[in-house]
Amino acid sequence: RVREREGVIDIDIGDKPSHTRFRVLGTTPSSASRTDSCLTTLELFPKQGRTHQLRIHCKEHFGMPIVGDNRYGGLDLGCGLLLAAVDIKVAHPDTRVELTFSIGEPERFLRLKQQEQL
């Protein structure tokens, strides 16, 4: 279980600074999780874009890899890697106006949460 409701992770990756802000969005009771009795949904905001930054930060800072992350020891619940960009902001290349693209929480995330609550 993530103890802090929000914060900043500062863990260098490959001797390069790497910062990620995080916020807990909620928890789901889970009989499948190994060390806790819940799955935690996080909102992650990487400042840099290091390879595997979010995956490494979750594993190292929280001591819990992302569900389905077989590279970093994540629990395999049969639904793949539960990591998705649901909001992204970019500057338009010509006008520099900020554009935001959003999707809802992926269906497979919702299905797993519903399945785990049974």
Foldseek 3Di string as FASTA:
>chain_A
DDDDQWDKFWDDDPPHTKIKTKGWPDWFQAPQDDPDRIDTDMDIDIPDDDVCRVQVRCCPVVVAGFAQPVVSPHPDPPLHGLDDDQKDWDQDPPPRDIDIHGDDRDPSVVVVRVVRND
